[in-house]
Full PDB file with SEQRES, HELIX, SHEET, SSBOND, CRYST1, ORIGX, SCALE, CONECT and MASTER records, all heavy atoms in Angstrom:
SEQRES   1 A   35  ALA ASP PHE VAL LYS GLY ARG PHE THR ILE SER ARG ASP          
SEQRES   2 A   35  ASN ALA LYS ASN MET LEU TYR LEU GLN MET ASN SER LEU          
SEQRES   3 A   35  THR PRO GLU ASP THR ALA VAL TYR TYR                          
HELIX    1 AA1 ASP A    2  VAL A    4  5                                   3    
HELIX    2 AA2 ASN A   14  LYS A   16  5                                   3    
HELIX    3 AA3 PRO A   28  ASP A   30  5                                   3    
SHEET    1 AA1 2 PHE A   8  ASP A  13  0                                        
SHEET    2 AA1 2 MET A  18  MET A  23 -1                                        
CRYST1    1.000    1.000    1.000  90.00  90.00  90.00 P 1           1          
ORIGX1      1.000000  0.000000  0.000000        0.00000                         
ORIGX2      0.000000  1.000000  0.000000        0.00000                         
ORIGX3      0.000000  0.000000  1.000000        0.00000                         
SCALE1      1.000000  0.000000  0.000000        0.00000                         
SCALE2      0.000000  1.000000  0.000000        0.00000                         
SCALE3      0.000000  0.000000  1.000000        0.00000                         
ATOM      1  N   ALA A   1       0.832  -1.186   0.000  1.00  0.00           N  
ATOM      2  CA  ALA A   1       0.000   0.000   0.000  1.00  0.00           C  
ATOM      3  C   ALA A   1       0.876   1.249   0.000  1.00  0.00           C  
ATOM      4  O   ALA A   1       2.019   1.226   0.462  1.00  0.00           O  
ATOM      5  CB  ALA A   1      -0.909   0.012   1.224  1.00  0.00           C  
ATOM      6  N   ASP A   2       0.307   2.331  -0.514  1.00  0.00           N  
ATOM      7  CA  ASP A   2       1.072   3.576  -0.598  1.00  0.00           C  
ATOM      8  C   ASP A   2       1.518   4.066   0.772  1.00  0.00           C  
ATOM      9  O   ASP A   2       2.608   4.640   0.903  1.00  0.00           O  
ATOM     10  CB  ASP A   2       0.247   4.657  -1.289  1.00  0.00           C  
ATOM     11  CG  ASP A   2       0.058   4.409  -2.772  1.00  0.00           C  
ATOM     12  OD1 ASP A   2       0.840   3.631  -3.356  1.00  0.00           O  
ATOM     13  OD2 ASP A   2      -0.874   4.995  -3.355  1.00  0.00           O  
ATOM     14  N   PHE A   3       0.705   3.862   1.787  1.00  0.00           N  
ATOM     15  CA  PHE A   3       1.046   4.404   3.096  1.00  0.00           C  
ATOM     16  C   PHE A   3       2.216   3.694   3.752  1.00  0.00           C  
ATOM     17  O   PHE A   3       2.733   4.169   4.756  1.00  0.00           O  
ATOM     18  CB  PHE A   3      -0.178   4.399   4.028  1.00  0.00           C  
ATOM     19  CG  PHE A   3      -0.787   3.046   4.273  1.00  0.00           C  
ATOM     20  CD1 PHE A   3      -0.180   2.128   5.104  1.00  0.00           C  
ATOM     21  CD2 PHE A   3      -1.995   2.702   3.677  1.00  0.00           C  
ATOM     22  CE1 PHE A   3      -0.748   0.883   5.344  1.00  0.00           C  
ATOM     23  CE2 PHE A   3      -2.574   1.462   3.904  1.00  0.00           C  
ATOM     24  CZ  PHE A   3      -1.941   0.555   4.733  1.00  0.00           C  
ATOM     25  N   VAL A   4       2.617   2.550   3.191  1.00  0.00           N  
ATOM     26  CA  VAL A   4       3.774   1.854   3.737  1.00  0.00           C  
ATOM     27  C   VAL A   4       5.044   2.676   3.556  1.00  0.00           C  
ATOM     28  O   VAL A   4       5.898   2.738   4.452  1.00  0.00           O  
ATOM     29  CB  VAL A   4       3.913   0.474   3.080  1.00  0.00           C  
ATOM     30  CG1 VAL A   4       5.272  -0.149   3.410  1.00  0.00           C  
ATOM     31  CG2 VAL A   4       2.789  -0.443   3.530  1.00  0.00           C  
ATOM     32  N   LYS A   5       5.193   3.278   2.387  1.00  0.00           N  
ATOM     33  CA  LYS A   5       6.311   4.176   2.078  1.00  0.00           C  
ATOM     34  C   LYS A   5       7.668   3.573   2.406  1.00  0.00           C  
ATOM     35  O   LYS A   5       8.559   4.237   2.945  1.00  0.00           O  
ATOM     36  CB  LYS A   5       6.132   5.505   2.817  1.00  0.00           C  
ATOM     37  CG  LYS A   5       4.928   6.298   2.378  1.00  0.00           C  
ATOM     38  CD  LYS A   5       4.893   7.651   3.061  1.00  0.00           C  
ATOM     39  CE  LYS A   5       3.678   8.464   2.638  1.00  0.00           C  
ATOM     40  NZ  LYS A   5       3.656   8.744   1.193  1.00  0.00           N  
ATOM     41  N   GLY A   6       7.846   2.305   2.086  1.00  0.00           N  
ATOM     42  CA  GLY A   6       9.112   1.655   2.285  1.00  0.00           C  
ATOM     43  C   GLY A   6       9.404   1.234   3.708  1.00  0.00           C  
ATOM     44  O   GLY A   6      10.500   0.720   3.985  1.00  0.00           O  
ATOM     45  N   ARG A   7       8.463   1.404   4.615  1.00  0.00           N  
ATOM     46  CA  ARG A   7       8.707   1.102   6.021  1.00  0.00           C  
ATOM     47  C   ARG A   7       8.460  -0.348   6.392  1.00  0.00           C  
ATOM     48  O   ARG A   7       9.002  -0.820   7.394  1.00  0.00           O  
ATOM     49  CB  ARG A   7       7.823   1.991   6.901  1.00  0.00           C  
ATOM     50  CG  ARG A   7       8.068   3.488   6.722  1.00  0.00           C  
ATOM     51  CD  ARG A   7       7.074   4.302   7.555  1.00  0.00           C  
ATOM     52  NE  ARG A   7       5.694   4.081   7.122  1.00  0.00           N  
ATOM     53  CZ  ARG A   7       4.689   3.761   7.936  1.00  0.00           C  
ATOM     54  NH1 ARG A   7       4.909   3.615   9.246  1.00  0.00           N  
ATOM     55  NH2 ARG A   7       3.470   3.585   7.455  1.00  0.00           N  
ATOM     56  N   PHE A   8       7.631  -1.028   5.621  1.00  0.00           N  
ATOM     57  CA  PHE A   8       7.232  -2.395   5.951  1.00  0.00           C  
ATOM     58  C   PHE A   8       7.818  -3.373   4.939  1.00  0.00           C  
ATOM     59  O   PHE A   8       8.019  -3.037   3.771  1.00  0.00           O  
ATOM     60  CB  PHE A   8       5.707  -2.555   5.940  1.00  0.00           C  
ATOM     61  CG  PHE A   8       4.962  -1.717   6.936  1.00  0.00           C  
ATOM     62  CD1 PHE A   8       3.571  -1.737   6.934  1.00  0.00           C  
ATOM     63  CD2 PHE A   8       5.607  -0.921   7.863  1.00  0.00           C  
ATOM     64  CE1 PHE A   8       2.852  -0.985   7.846  1.00  0.00           C  
ATOM     65  CE2 PHE A   8       4.909  -0.152   8.779  1.00  0.00           C  
ATOM     66  CZ  PHE A   8       3.512  -0.191   8.763  1.00  0.00           C  
ATOM     67  N   THR A   9       8.032  -4.591   5.396  1.00  0.00           N  
ATOM     68  CA  THR A   9       8.510  -5.653   4.533  1.00  0.00           C  
ATOM     69  C   THR A   9       7.701  -6.916   4.793  1.00  0.00           C  
ATOM     70  O   THR A   9       7.639  -7.393   5.926  1.00  0.00           O  
ATOM     71  CB  THR A   9       9.998  -5.947   4.763  1.00  0.00           C  
ATOM     72  OG1 THR A   9      10.770  -4.771   4.547  1.00  0.00           O  
ATOM     73  CG2 THR A   9      10.473  -7.032   3.797  1.00  0.00           C  
ATOM     74  N   ILE A  10       7.085  -7.450   3.753  1.00  0.00           N  
ATOM     75  CA  ILE A  10       6.358  -8.704   3.866  1.00  0.00           C  
ATOM     76  C   ILE A  10       7.261  -9.834   3.391  1.00  0.00           C  
ATOM     77  O   ILE A  10       8.032  -9.675   2.442  1.00  0.00           O  
ATOM     78  CB  ILE A  10       5.043  -8.675   3.064  1.00  0.00           C  
ATOM     79  CG1 ILE A  10       4.198  -9.917   3.363  1.00  0.00           C  
ATOM     80  CG2 ILE A  10       5.305  -8.531   1.572  1.00  0.00           C  
ATOM     81  CD1 ILE A  10       2.790  -9.863   2.766  1.00  0.00           C  
ATOM     82  N   SER A  11       7.164 -10.970   4.056  1.00  0.00           N  
ATOM     83  CA  SER A  11       7.959 -12.126   3.681  1.00  0.00           C  
ATOM     84  C   SER A  11       7.234 -13.395   4.100  1.00  0.00           C  
ATOM     85  O   SER A  11       6.244 -13.341   4.832  1.00  0.00           O  
ATOM     86  CB  SER A  11       9.359 -12.072   4.306  1.00  0.00           C  
ATOM     87  OG  SER A  11       9.283 -12.091   5.720  1.00  0.00           O  
ATOM     88  N   ARG A  12       7.720 -14.522   3.629  1.00  0.00           N  
ATOM     89  CA  ARG A  12       7.110 -15.798   3.982  1.00  0.00           C  
ATOM     90  C   ARG A  12       8.170 -16.876   4.084  1.00  0.00           C  
ATOM     91  O   ARG A  12       9.249 -16.776   3.495  1.00  0.00           O  
ATOM     92  CB  ARG A  12       6.049 -16.197   2.956  1.00  0.00           C  
ATOM     93  CG  ARG A  12       6.603 -16.405   1.549  1.00  0.00           C  
ATOM     94  CD  ARG A  12       5.488 -16.616   0.551  1.00  0.00           C  
ATOM     95  NE  ARG A  12       5.995 -16.600  -0.820  1.00  0.00           N  
ATOM     96  CZ  ARG A  12       5.240 -16.497  -1.891  1.00  0.00           C  
ATOM     97  NH1 ARG A  12       3.917 -16.395  -1.766  1.00  0.00           N  
ATOM     98  NH2 ARG A  12       5.786 -16.487  -3.097  1.00  0.00           N  
ATOM     99  N   ASP A  13       7.850 -17.900   4.831  1.00  0.00           N  
ATOM    100  CA  ASP A  13       8.680 -19.080   4.954  1.00  0.00           C  
ATOM    101  C   ASP A  13       7.765 -20.271   4.690  1.00  0.00           C  
ATOM    102  O   ASP A  13       7.056 -20.723   5.583  1.00  0.00           O  
ATOM    103  CB  ASP A  13       9.322 -19.164   6.333  1.00  0.00           C  
ATOM    104  CG  ASP A  13      10.321 -20.297   6.448  1.00  0.00           C  
ATOM    105  OD1 ASP A  13      10.231 -21.272   5.681  1.00  0.00           O  
ATOM    106  OD2 ASP A  13      11.209 -20.207   7.317  1.00  0.00           O  
ATOM    107  N   ASN A  14       7.776 -20.759   3.468  1.00  0.00           N  
ATOM    108  CA  ASN A  14       6.852 -21.814   3.085  1.00  0.00           C  
ATOM    109  C   ASN A  14       7.105 -23.112   3.849  1.00  0.00           C  
ATOM    110  O   ASN A  14       6.166 -23.856   4.134  1.00  0.00           O  
ATOM    111  CB  ASN A  14       6.941 -22.071   1.588  1.00  0.00           C  
ATOM    112  CG  ASN A  14       6.423 -20.912   0.767  1.00  0.00           C  
ATOM    113  OD1 ASN A  14       5.631 -20.102   1.247  1.00  0.00           O  
ATOM    114  ND2 ASN A  14       6.856 -20.830  -0.484  1.00  0.00           N  
ATOM    115  N   ALA A  15       8.352 -23.380   4.174  1.00  0.00           N  
ATOM    116  CA  ALA A  15       8.679 -24.597   4.910  1.00  0.00           C  
ATOM    117  C   ALA A  15       8.057 -24.596   6.298  1.00  0.00           C  
ATOM    118  O   ALA A  15       7.786 -25.654   6.860  1.00  0.00           O  
ATOM    119  CB  ALA A  15      10.189 -24.777   5.006  1.00  0.00           C  
ATOM    120  N   LYS A  16       7.836 -23.418   6.850  1.00  0.00           N  
ATOM    121  CA  LYS A  16       7.253 -23.289   8.183  1.00  0.00           C  
ATOM    122  C   LYS A  16       5.791 -22.857   8.148  1.00  0.00           C  
ATOM    123  O   LYS A  16       5.191 -22.660   9.208  1.00  0.00           O  
ATOM    124  CB  LYS A  16       8.059 -22.296   9.016  1.00  0.00           C  
ATOM    125  CG  LYS A  16       9.500 -22.711   9.268  1.00  0.00           C  
ATOM    126  CD  LYS A  16      10.227 -21.669  10.100  1.00  0.00           C  
ATOM    127  CE  LYS A  16      11.662 -22.081  10.367  1.00  0.00           C  
ATOM    128  NZ  LYS A  16      12.392 -21.061  11.166  1.00  0.00           N  
ATOM    129  N   ASN A  17       5.232 -22.690   6.954  1.00  0.00           N  
ATOM    130  CA  ASN A  17       3.856 -22.210   6.799  1.00  0.00           C  
ATOM    131  C   ASN A  17       3.653 -20.877   7.516  1.00  0.00           C  
ATOM    132  O   ASN A  17       2.651 -20.663   8.199  1.00  0.00           O  
ATOM    133  CB  ASN A  17       2.850 -23.236   7.323  1.00  0.00           C  
ATOM    134  CG  ASN A  17       2.914 -24.557   6.595  1.00  0.00           C  
ATOM    135  OD1 ASN A  17       3.403 -24.636   5.477  1.00  0.00           O  
ATOM    136  ND2 ASN A  17       2.407 -25.606   7.231  1.00  0.00           N  
ATOM    137  N   MET A  18       4.605 -19.985   7.343  1.00  0.00           N  
ATOM    138  CA  MET A  18       4.589 -18.719   8.060  1.00  0.00           C  
ATOM    139  C   MET A  18       4.594 -17.537   7.099  1.00  0.00           C  
ATOM    140  O   MET A  18       5.222 -17.576   6.041  1.00  0.00           O  
ATOM    141  CB  MET A  18       5.787 -18.604   8.993  1.00  0.00           C  
ATOM    142  CG  MET A  18       5.808 -19.626  10.119  1.00  0.00           C  
ATOM    143  SD  MET A  18       4.520 -19.329  11.354  1.00  0.00           S  
ATOM    144  CE  MET A  18       5.094 -17.787  12.074  1.00  0.00           C  
ATOM    145  N   LEU A  19       3.917 -16.499   7.504  1.00  0.00           N  
ATOM    146  CA  LEU A  19       3.907 -15.216   6.819  1.00  0.00           C  
ATOM    147  C   LEU A  19       4.277 -14.139   7.829  1.00  0.00           C  
ATOM    148  O   LEU A  19       3.834 -14.190   8.978  1.00  0.00           O  
ATOM    149  CB  LEU A  19       2.527 -14.934   6.231  1.00  0.00           C  
ATOM    150  CG  LEU A  19       2.365 -13.669   5.397  1.00  0.00           C  
ATOM    151  CD1 LEU A  19       3.047 -13.830   4.042  1.00  0.00           C  
ATOM    152  CD2 LEU A  19       0.886 -13.343   5.214  1.00  0.00           C  
ATOM    153  N   TYR A  20       5.069 -13.172   7.393  1.00  0.00           N  
ATOM    154  CA  TYR A  20       5.574 -12.158   8.303  1.00  0.00           C  
ATOM    155  C   TYR A  20       5.344 -10.760   7.749  1.00  0.00           C  
ATOM    156  O   TYR A  20       5.239 -10.553   6.546  1.00  0.00           O  
ATOM    157  CB  TYR A  20       7.075 -12.329   8.549  1.00  0.00           C  
ATOM    158  CG  TYR A  20       7.479 -13.687   9.048  1.00  0.00           C  
ATOM    159  CD1 TYR A  20       7.996 -14.647   8.178  1.00  0.00           C  
ATOM    160  CD2 TYR A  20       7.351 -14.018  10.398  1.00  0.00           C  
ATOM    161  CE1 TYR A  20       8.377 -15.891   8.634  1.00  0.00           C  
ATOM    162  CE2 TYR A  20       7.732 -15.266  10.855  1.00  0.00           C  
ATOM    163  CZ  TYR A  20       8.243 -16.197   9.972  1.00  0.00           C  
ATOM    164  OH  TYR A  20       8.618 -17.434  10.434  1.00  0.00           O  
ATOM    165  N   LEU A  21       5.299  -9.808   8.647  1.00  0.00           N  
ATOM    166  CA  LEU A  21       5.294  -8.406   8.275  1.00  0.00           C  
ATOM    167  C   LEU A  21       6.202  -7.661   9.242  1.00  0.00           C  
ATOM    168  O   LEU A  21       5.871  -7.515  10.420  1.00  0.00           O  
ATOM    169  CB  LEU A  21       3.887  -7.805   8.311  1.00  0.00           C  
ATOM    170  CG  LEU A  21       3.789  -6.350   7.870  1.00  0.00           C  
ATOM    171  CD1 LEU A  21       4.065  -6.235   6.370  1.00  0.00           C  
ATOM    172  CD2 LEU A  21       2.424  -5.760   8.207  1.00  0.00           C  
ATOM    173  N   GLN A  22       7.333  -7.210   8.749  1.00  0.00           N  
ATOM    174  CA  GLN A  22       8.235  -6.385   9.531  1.00  0.00           C  
ATOM    175  C   GLN A  22       7.825  -4.936   9.347  1.00  0.00           C  
ATOM    176  O   GLN A  22       7.779  -4.441   8.222  1.00  0.00           O  
ATOM    177  CB  GLN A  22       9.681  -6.590   9.081  1.00  0.00           C  
ATOM    178  CG  GLN A  22      10.688  -5.714   9.813  1.00  0.00           C  
ATOM    179  CD  GLN A  22      10.813  -6.060  11.270  1.00  0.00           C  
ATOM    180  OE1 GLN A  22      10.931  -7.235  11.618  1.00  0.00           O  
ATOM    181  NE2 GLN A  22      10.792  -5.056  12.138  1.00  0.00           N  
ATOM    182  N   MET A  23       7.540  -4.256  10.439  1.00  0.00           N  
ATOM    183  CA  MET A  23       7.083  -2.879  10.409  1.00  0.00           C  
ATOM    184  C   MET A  23       8.080  -2.004  11.146  1.00  0.00           C  
ATOM    185  O   MET A  23       8.339  -2.206  12.336  1.00  0.00           O  
ATOM    186  CB  MET A  23       5.696  -2.749  11.038  1.00  0.00           C  
ATOM    187  CG  MET A  23       4.646  -3.641  10.390  1.00  0.00           C  
ATOM    188  SD  MET A  23       2.975  -3.310  11.018  1.00  0.00           S  
ATOM    189  CE  MET A  23       3.173  -3.861  12.724  1.00  0.00           C  
ATOM    190  N   ASN A  24       8.622  -1.037  10.447  1.00  0.00           N  
ATOM    191  CA  ASN A  24       9.578  -0.097  11.012  1.00  0.00           C  
ATOM    192  C   ASN A  24       9.037   1.322  10.903  1.00  0.00           C  
ATOM    193  O   ASN A  24       8.120   1.596  10.137  1.00  0.00           O  
ATOM    194  CB  ASN A  24      10.923  -0.193  10.291  1.00  0.00           C  
ATOM    195  CG  ASN A  24      11.545  -1.566  10.363  1.00  0.00           C  
ATOM    196  OD1 ASN A  24      11.453  -2.245  11.389  1.00  0.00           O  
ATOM    197  ND2 ASN A  24      12.207  -1.976   9.288  1.00  0.00           N  
ATOM    198  N   SER A  25       9.638   2.218  11.660  1.00  0.00           N  
ATOM    199  CA  SER A  25       9.266   3.637  11.630  1.00  0.00           C  
ATOM    200  C   SER A  25       7.767   3.830  11.799  1.00  0.00           C  
ATOM    201  O   SER A  25       7.130   4.584  11.066  1.00  0.00           O  
ATOM    202  CB  SER A  25       9.750   4.281  10.324  1.00  0.00           C  
ATOM    203  OG  SER A  25      11.147   4.157  10.184  1.00  0.00           O  
ATOM    204  N   LEU A  26       7.215   3.156  12.771  1.00  0.00           N  
ATOM    205  CA  LEU A  26       5.775   3.200  12.978  1.00  0.00           C  
ATOM    206  C   LEU A  26       5.320   4.575  13.458  1.00  0.00           C  
ATOM    207  O   LEU A  26       6.036   5.260  14.197  1.00  0.00           O  
ATOM    208  CB  LEU A  26       5.360   2.136  13.984  1.00  0.00           C  
ATOM    209  CG  LEU A  26       5.402   0.703  13.443  1.00  0.00           C  
ATOM    210  CD1 LEU A  26       5.398  -0.302  14.579  1.00  0.00           C  
ATOM    211  CD2 LEU A  26       4.220   0.460  12.505  1.00  0.00           C  
ATOM    212  N   THR A  27       4.131   4.952  13.026  1.00  0.00           N  
ATOM    213  CA  THR A  27       3.513   6.212  13.415  1.00  0.00           C  
ATOM    214  C   THR A  27       2.153   5.935  14.035  1.00  0.00           C  
ATOM    215  O   THR A  27       1.598   4.845  13.875  1.00  0.00           O  
ATOM    216  CB  THR A  27       3.342   7.146  12.210  1.00  0.00           C  
ATOM    217  OG1 THR A  27       2.266   6.681  11.388  1.00  0.00           O  
ATOM    218  CG2 THR A  27       4.611   7.208  11.383  1.00  0.00           C  
ATOM    219  N   PRO A  28       1.588   6.911  14.761  1.00  0.00           N  
ATOM    220  CA  PRO A  28       0.250   6.690  15.323  1.00  0.00           C  
ATOM    221  C   PRO A  28      -0.800   6.330  14.281  1.00  0.00           C  
ATOM    222  O   PRO A  28      -1.770   5.632  14.609  1.00  0.00           O  
ATOM    223  CB  PRO A  28      -0.063   8.036  15.986  1.00  0.00           C  
ATOM    224  CG  PRO A  28       1.274   8.573  16.369  1.00  0.00           C  
ATOM    225  CD  PRO A  28       2.188   8.165  15.250  1.00  0.00           C  
ATOM    226  N   GLU A  29      -0.619   6.770  13.040  1.00  0.00           N  
ATOM    227  CA  GLU A  29      -1.564   6.444  11.980  1.00  0.00           C  
ATOM    228  C   GLU A  29      -1.546   4.963  11.611  1.00  0.00           C  
ATOM    229  O   GLU A  29      -2.453   4.492  10.920  1.00  0.00           O  
ATOM    230  CB  GLU A  29      -1.278   7.287  10.735  1.00  0.00           C  
ATOM    231  CG  GLU A  29      -1.642   8.767  10.877  1.00  0.00           C  
ATOM    232  CD  GLU A  29      -0.700   9.516  11.814  1.00  0.00           C  
ATOM    233  OE1 GLU A  29       0.507   9.177  11.853  1.00  0.00           O  
ATOM    234  OE2 GLU A  29      -1.170  10.434  12.504  1.00  0.00           O  
ATOM    235  N   ASP A  30      -0.535   4.250  12.052  1.00  0.00           N  
ATOM    236  CA  ASP A  30      -0.475   2.814  11.815  1.00  0.00           C  
ATOM    237  C   ASP A  30      -1.284   2.016  12.824  1.00  0.00           C  
ATOM    238  O   ASP A  30      -1.393   0.793  12.697  1.00  0.00           O  
ATOM    239  CB  ASP A  30       0.978   2.327  11.835  1.00  0.00           C  
ATOM    240  CG  ASP A  30       1.805   2.909  10.703  1.00  0.00           C  
ATOM    241  OD1 ASP A  30       1.306   2.924   9.554  1.00  0.00           O  
ATOM    242  OD2 ASP A  30       2.948   3.338  10.958  1.00  0.00           O  
ATOM    243  N   THR A  31      -1.823   2.676  13.828  1.00  0.00           N  
ATOM    244  CA  THR A  31      -2.621   1.991  14.834  1.00  0.00           C  
ATOM    245  C   THR A  31      -3.851   1.362  14.192  1.00  0.00           C  
ATOM    246  O   THR A  31      -4.645   2.042  13.546  1.00  0.00           O  
ATOM    247  CB  THR A  31      -3.046   2.961  15.940  1.00  0.00           C  
ATOM    248  OG1 THR A  31      -1.883   3.446  16.621  1.00  0.00           O  
ATOM    249  CG2 THR A  31      -3.953   2.272  16.946  1.00  0.00           C  
ATOM    250  N   ALA A  32      -3.993   0.063  14.363  1.00  0.00           N  
ATOM    251  CA  ALA A  32      -5.090  -0.679  13.752  1.00  0.00           C  
ATOM    252  C   ALA A  32      -5.002  -2.128  14.201  1.00  0.00           C  
ATOM    253  O   ALA A  32      -4.017  -2.547  14.817  1.00  0.00           O  
ATOM    254  CB  ALA A  32      -5.017  -0.606  12.225  1.00  0.00           C  
ATOM    255  N   VAL A  33      -6.033  -2.883  13.872  1.00  0.00           N  
ATOM    256  CA  VAL A  33      -5.962  -4.328  13.980  1.00  0.00           C  
ATOM    257  C   VAL A  33      -5.451  -4.859  12.653  1.00  0.00           C  
ATOM    258  O   VAL A  33      -6.000  -4.545  11.594  1.00  0.00           O  
ATOM    259  CB  VAL A  33      -7.324  -4.955  14.315  1.00  0.00           C  
ATOM    260  CG1 VAL A  33      -7.212  -6.474  14.358  1.00  0.00           C  
ATOM    261  CG2 VAL A  33      -7.833  -4.421  15.647  1.00  0.00           C  
ATOM    262  N   TYR A  34      -4.404  -5.646  12.709  1.00  0.00           N  
ATOM    263  CA  TYR A  34      -3.787  -6.196  11.514  1.00  0.00           C  
ATOM    264  C   TYR A  34      -4.193  -7.649  11.349  1.00  0.00           C  
ATOM    265  O   TYR A  34      -4.102  -8.438  12.289  1.00  0.00           O  
ATOM    266  CB  TYR A  34      -2.263  -6.072  11.591  1.00  0.00           C  
ATOM    267  CG  TYR A  34      -1.776  -4.657  11.365  1.00  0.00           C  
ATOM    268  CD1 TYR A  34      -1.999  -3.667  12.311  1.00  0.00           C  
ATOM    269  CD2 TYR A  34      -1.112  -4.310  10.190  1.00  0.00           C  
ATOM    270  CE1 TYR A  34      -1.579  -2.361  12.096  1.00  0.00           C  
ATOM    271  CE2 TYR A  34      -0.683  -3.016   9.969  1.00  0.00           C  
ATOM    272  CZ  TYR A  34      -0.918  -2.047  10.924  1.00  0.00           C  
ATOM    273  OH  TYR A  34      -0.488  -0.754  10.701  1.00  0.00           O  
ATOM    274  N   TYR A  35      -4.626  -7.992  10.141  1.00  0.00           N  
ATOM    275  CA  TYR A  35      -5.145  -9.315   9.845  1.00  0.00           C  
ATOM    276  C   TYR A  35      -4.297 -10.015   8.799  1.00  0.00           C  
ATOM    277  O   TYR A  35      -4.001  -9.444   7.750  1.00  0.00           O  
ATOM    278  CB  TYR A  35      -6.575  -9.237   9.315  1.00  0.00           C  
ATOM    279  CG  TYR A  35      -7.585  -8.675  10.289  1.00  0.00           C  
ATOM    280  CD1 TYR A  35      -7.831  -7.312  10.352  1.00  0.00           C  
ATOM    281  CD2 TYR A  35      -8.296  -9.520  11.137  1.00  0.00           C  
ATOM    282  CE1 TYR A  35      -8.762  -6.794  11.240  1.00  0.00           C  
ATOM    283  CE2 TYR A  35      -9.227  -9.009  12.023  1.00  0.00           C  
ATOM    284  CZ  TYR A  35      -9.456  -7.648  12.066  1.00  0.00           C  
ATOM    285  OH  TYR A  35     -10.390  -7.139  12.938  1.00  0.00           O  
TER     286      TYR A  35                                                      
MASTER        0    0    0    3    2    0    0    6  285    1    0    3          
END                                                                             
């Protein structure tokens, strides 16, 4: 999404059935429930 502005990184590990979201430089506008 545009609001990420290079701050977040999505990744996955298929061997572990895992999905990740690394979030850096967080701001109050990022406050939400993440699904």
